[in-house]
Protein backbone atom coordinates (compact mmCIF):
# COMPACT_ATOMS: atom_id res chain seq x y z
CA MET A 1 97.55 95.14 94.54
CA LYS A 2 94.46 93.03 95.24
CA ILE A 3 94.14 91.20 98.56
CA THR A 4 91.58 88.43 99.07
CA PHE A 5 90.77 87.01 102.49
CA LEU A 6 90.73 83.25 102.00
CA GLY A 7 89.98 82.73 105.68
CA THR A 8 89.44 84.96 108.71
CA GLY A 9 88.94 82.50 111.58
CA THR A 10 90.93 81.10 114.47
CA SER A 11 92.55 77.68 114.74
CA TYR A 12 89.13 76.20 115.59
CA GLY A 13 87.38 77.76 112.60
CA VAL A 14 83.84 79.12 112.82
CA PRO A 15 81.46 77.39 113.29
CA MET A 16 83.31 75.32 115.86
CA VAL A 17 82.62 71.59 115.93
CA GLY A 18 79.90 70.84 118.49
CA CYS A 19 79.18 74.47 119.33
CA GLU A 20 75.61 75.77 119.26
CA CYS A 21 76.24 79.44 120.10
CA ARG A 22 74.42 82.09 118.08
CA VAL A 23 77.46 82.81 115.89
CA CYS A 24 78.20 79.16 115.14
CA THR A 25 74.55 78.59 114.21
CA SER A 26 74.17 81.89 112.34
CA ASP A 27 72.84 81.91 108.77
CA ASN A 28 74.93 85.00 107.97
CA PRO A 29 77.81 83.76 105.77
CA LYS A 30 80.07 86.48 107.23
CA ASN A 31 79.94 84.57 110.52
CA SER A 32 81.43 81.49 108.85
CA ARG A 33 85.23 81.64 109.04
CA MET A 34 87.85 79.25 107.70
CA ARG A 35 91.37 79.36 109.12
CA SER A 36 93.21 82.62 108.43
CA SER A 37 95.04 83.18 105.15
CA ILE A 38 95.22 85.82 102.41
CA PHE A 39 95.93 85.76 98.68
CA ILE A 40 97.74 88.70 97.05
CA SER A 41 97.68 89.50 93.34
CA GLU A 42 100.05 92.11 91.91
CA GLY A 43 100.07 92.29 88.13
CA GLU A 44 100.61 88.76 86.85
CA TYR A 45 102.04 87.42 90.11
CA ASN A 46 100.21 85.70 92.98
CA ILE A 47 101.45 85.31 96.55
CA LEU A 48 99.83 83.29 99.34
CA ILE A 49 100.34 84.13 103.00
CA ASP A 50 99.96 80.94 105.06
CA ALA A 51 98.79 77.55 103.87
CA ALA A 52 95.71 77.29 106.06
CA THR A 53 93.99 74.02 106.89
CA GLU A 54 91.24 74.47 104.27
CA LEU A 55 93.58 75.69 101.52
CA ARG A 56 92.09 73.52 98.76
CA ILE A 57 88.55 74.67 99.56
CA GLN A 58 89.66 78.30 99.89
CA CYS A 59 91.32 78.22 96.46
CA LEU A 60 88.30 76.62 94.79
CA LYS A 61 85.93 79.17 96.33
CA ASN A 62 88.06 82.14 95.32
CA GLY A 63 89.25 81.00 91.91
CA VAL A 64 92.91 80.71 92.88
CA LYS A 65 94.59 78.82 90.04
CA ARG A 66 98.23 79.83 90.23
CA LEU A 67 100.80 80.56 92.94
CA ASP A 68 104.20 82.14 92.46
CA ALA A 69 105.30 82.18 96.10
CA VAL A 70 104.18 81.46 99.65
CA LEU A 71 104.99 83.46 102.77
CA LEU A 72 104.53 81.77 106.13
CA THR A 73 103.93 83.70 109.34
CA HIS A 74 104.69 80.76 111.65
CA SER A 75 104.33 77.00 111.85
CA HIS A 76 101.21 76.51 113.97
CA ALA A 77 98.88 73.89 112.54
CA ASP A 78 96.15 76.25 111.32
CA HIS A 79 98.71 78.17 109.26
CA VAL A 80 100.56 75.28 107.60
CA LEU A 81 98.32 72.20 107.46
CA GLY A 82 97.27 73.10 103.91
CA PHE A 83 100.90 72.69 102.81
CA ASP A 84 100.25 69.43 100.94
CA ASP A 85 97.69 71.20 98.73
CA LEU A 86 100.49 73.28 97.22
CA ARG A 87 101.08 70.28 94.93
CA HIS A 88 97.99 71.30 92.94
CA PHE A 89 99.91 74.36 91.78
CA ASN A 90 102.93 72.33 90.70
CA ARG A 91 100.83 71.02 87.80
CA LYS A 92 100.91 74.45 86.15
CA ARG A 93 104.19 75.71 87.54
CA LYS A 94 107.13 73.81 86.07
CA THR A 95 109.55 74.83 88.81
CA ASN A 96 109.42 74.56 92.58
CA ILE A 97 107.27 77.04 94.47
CA PRO A 98 109.42 79.22 96.77
CA VAL A 99 108.19 79.16 100.37
CA TYR A 100 109.56 81.86 102.68
CA GLY A 101 109.54 82.17 106.46
CA SER A 102 111.75 82.57 109.50
CA VAL A 103 114.50 80.02 110.11
CA LYS A 104 112.35 78.33 112.78
CA THR A 105 109.29 78.25 110.54
CA VAL A 106 110.99 76.69 107.53
CA ASN A 107 112.79 74.18 109.77
CA ASP A 108 109.47 73.21 111.36
CA VAL A 109 107.84 72.79 107.94
CA TYR A 110 110.76 70.62 106.78
CA ARG A 111 110.24 68.39 109.80
CA MET A 112 106.42 68.31 109.68
CA PHE A 113 106.26 67.50 105.96
CA SER A 114 109.47 65.50 105.63
CA TYR A 115 107.99 63.26 102.91
CA ALA A 116 107.96 66.23 100.52
CA PHE A 117 111.73 66.60 100.73
CA LYS A 118 112.82 62.97 100.47
CA ASP A 119 114.54 62.16 97.20
CA VAL A 120 112.84 58.83 96.57
CA SER A 121 110.96 57.51 93.55
CA SER A 122 107.21 57.43 94.02
CA ASN A 123 104.11 57.21 91.88
CA GLY A 124 102.31 59.59 94.25
CA SER A 125 102.43 63.36 94.04
CA LYS A 126 103.85 65.64 96.68
CA PRO A 127 104.41 69.39 96.92
CA LYS A 128 107.53 70.56 95.13
CA VAL A 129 108.77 73.62 96.97
CA THR A 130 111.98 75.37 97.90
CA LEU A 131 112.13 76.47 101.54
CA ILE A 132 113.88 79.83 101.94
CA PRO A 133 114.58 81.37 105.37
CA ILE A 134 114.39 85.16 105.49
CA ASP A 135 115.25 87.73 108.14
CA ARG A 136 115.54 90.87 106.04
CA LYS A 137 113.93 92.77 103.17
CA LEU A 138 112.96 90.63 100.20
CA ASN A 139 112.49 91.77 96.60
CA LEU A 140 110.05 89.40 94.97
CA TYR A 141 108.54 89.88 91.49
CA GLY A 142 109.11 93.62 91.74
CA MET A 143 107.55 93.82 95.22
CA GLU A 144 109.54 94.93 98.25
CA ILE A 145 108.53 92.76 101.20
CA ILE A 146 109.70 93.51 104.73
CA PRO A 147 109.43 90.79 107.42
CA VAL A 148 108.38 92.26 110.77
CA ASP A 149 108.74 90.39 114.07
CA VAL A 150 105.76 90.37 116.40
CA MET A 151 105.07 88.31 119.51
CA HIS A 152 102.45 85.56 119.88
CA GLY A 153 102.66 84.95 123.60
CA GLU A 154 106.36 84.05 123.99
CA GLU A 155 106.78 82.98 120.35
CA ARG A 156 107.91 85.09 117.43
CA VAL A 157 105.62 85.40 114.42
CA THR A 158 106.54 87.04 111.13
CA ALA A 159 104.28 89.83 109.92
CA TYR A 160 104.81 91.15 106.38
CA ARG A 161 104.80 94.65 104.93
CA PHE A 162 104.34 95.32 101.21
CA ASN A 163 104.93 99.01 100.56
CA LYS A 164 101.80 100.65 102.08
CA PHE A 165 100.11 97.40 103.18
CA ALA A 166 100.86 95.04 106.09
CA TYR A 167 99.52 91.72 107.34
CA VAL A 168 99.86 90.94 111.06
CA THR A 169 98.31 87.80 112.50
CA ASP A 170 98.52 85.83 115.76
CA VAL A 171 99.87 88.71 117.79
CA SER A 172 99.78 89.73 121.44
CA GLN A 173 102.59 92.29 121.46
CA ILE A 174 104.45 94.37 118.87
CA PRO A 175 107.99 95.45 119.84
CA GLN A 176 108.72 99.15 119.42
CA ASP A 177 111.13 98.68 116.50
CA SER A 178 108.44 96.66 114.72
CA MET A 179 105.85 99.36 115.43
CA GLU A 180 108.10 101.78 113.56
CA LYS A 181 108.13 99.43 110.56
CA LEU A 182 104.32 99.39 110.51
CA LYS A 183 103.73 103.14 110.36
CA GLY A 184 102.58 105.04 107.27
CA LEU A 185 100.25 102.33 105.95
CA ASP A 186 97.29 102.70 103.63
CA LEU A 187 95.98 99.29 104.72
CA LEU A 188 96.60 97.27 107.87
CA ILE A 189 95.25 93.75 108.35
CA ILE A 190 95.67 92.69 111.96
CA ALA A 191 94.37 89.90 114.18
CA ALA A 192 91.72 90.75 116.78
CA LEU A 193 90.50 87.57 118.43
CA ARG A 194 87.51 88.55 120.58
CA ASN A 195 86.39 90.96 123.31
CA ILE A 196 87.69 88.81 126.17
CA PRO A 197 91.47 89.13 126.80
CA HIS A 198 93.74 86.26 125.74
CA GLU A 199 97.39 85.72 126.69
CA LYS A 200 98.51 85.04 123.10
CA HIS A 201 96.23 87.26 121.02
CA PHE A 202 95.12 90.88 120.88
CA SER A 203 91.57 91.42 121.98
CA ILE A 204 89.47 93.74 119.83
CA GLU A 205 90.08 96.55 122.33
CA GLN A 206 93.85 95.99 122.25
CA ALA A 207 93.90 95.86 118.46
CA ILE A 208 91.97 99.14 118.31
CA LYS A 209 94.62 100.71 120.56
CA ILE A 210 97.39 99.53 118.21
CA VAL A 211 95.51 100.97 115.24
CA SER A 212 95.20 104.30 117.03
CA MET A 213 98.99 104.34 117.44
CA LEU A 214 99.87 103.27 113.90
CA LYS A 215 97.19 105.38 112.22
CA PRO A 216 96.74 103.44 108.95
CA LYS A 217 94.20 104.84 106.49
CA GLN A 218 92.13 101.64 106.62
CA THR A 219 92.17 98.56 108.88
CA PHE A 220 90.58 95.12 108.69
CA PHE A 221 90.52 92.73 111.64
CA THR A 222 91.07 89.02 111.02
CA HIS A 223 91.71 85.79 112.98
CA ILE A 224 88.30 86.22 114.60
CA ALA A 225 86.81 83.83 117.16
CA HIS A 226 83.25 82.52 117.36
CA GLU A 227 82.39 84.92 120.19
CA VAL A 228 82.33 87.79 117.66
CA GLU A 229 79.10 88.42 115.71
CA HIS A 230 79.97 90.14 112.43
CA GLU A 231 77.25 92.76 111.99
CA GLU A 232 76.94 93.77 115.65
CA THR A 233 80.69 94.20 116.02
CA ASN A 234 81.12 96.09 112.75
CA ASN A 235 78.47 98.58 113.85
CA ILE A 236 80.43 99.62 116.93
CA LEU A 237 84.00 99.64 115.57
CA PRO A 238 85.69 103.05 115.19
CA SER A 239 85.72 104.74 111.80
CA GLY A 240 88.25 103.22 109.43
CA ILE A 241 88.16 99.77 111.07
CA LYS A 242 86.07 96.82 109.89
CA LEU A 243 85.91 93.09 110.41
CA ALA A 244 87.13 91.12 107.42
CA TYR A 245 85.17 88.08 106.22
CA ASP A 246 85.95 85.09 104.05
CA GLY A 247 85.96 85.99 100.37
CA LEU A 248 86.33 89.74 100.90
CA SER A 249 88.64 91.42 98.36
CA VAL A 250 90.23 94.86 98.80
CA GLU A 251 92.67 96.86 96.70
CA VAL A 252 95.56 99.01 97.78
């Protein structure tokens, strides 16, 4: 399984509009972060997790030409505003693209992008998808995918586990039963916003503590704010933990 980080930034993106901090003005490309999303390739099948705001740009930069399914973690703008760009993939795929998420998430997407689901004649294109709510294990193209509930402040977000790999974003607390579902991993991708505490996101220190409890073989942090300089932070992270960056690909 190959995992490509299409974006590793927060809802603001990095650089932030109007900000002149040293990270936002950095010439290191690893300090430039589009909104968080990953692309998974397993054999001939491709799965996207979250339709981030810059989805079209992310796909062009990373050579993404086909999608077989989309998994959504939640319906916040930075994770779904690229939804309309799914129509590009309808040109090659002759059937609807299945889009999975919690009941709340798929209901929110149906409301936010209602034009895509109206059965009216139109000369314009729109994404052709099938929204599918999930709350239990999913077998998709030979892959066993387990949805895992985590908390983003007071809201539930869906993390996903694929065999020995898991993706956990926008998280401030992981319930104990979900912690059990995230043990025994070869690769963990988890959000770590910044050094300063935040009520709806793990800080880097908090994310490190979670990693020490779950003990995955390798961890990458994502959903990173502009306060975090890539090289400096990477140099002080514990062994086995690194910051992800846009365009990074790893295999598991």
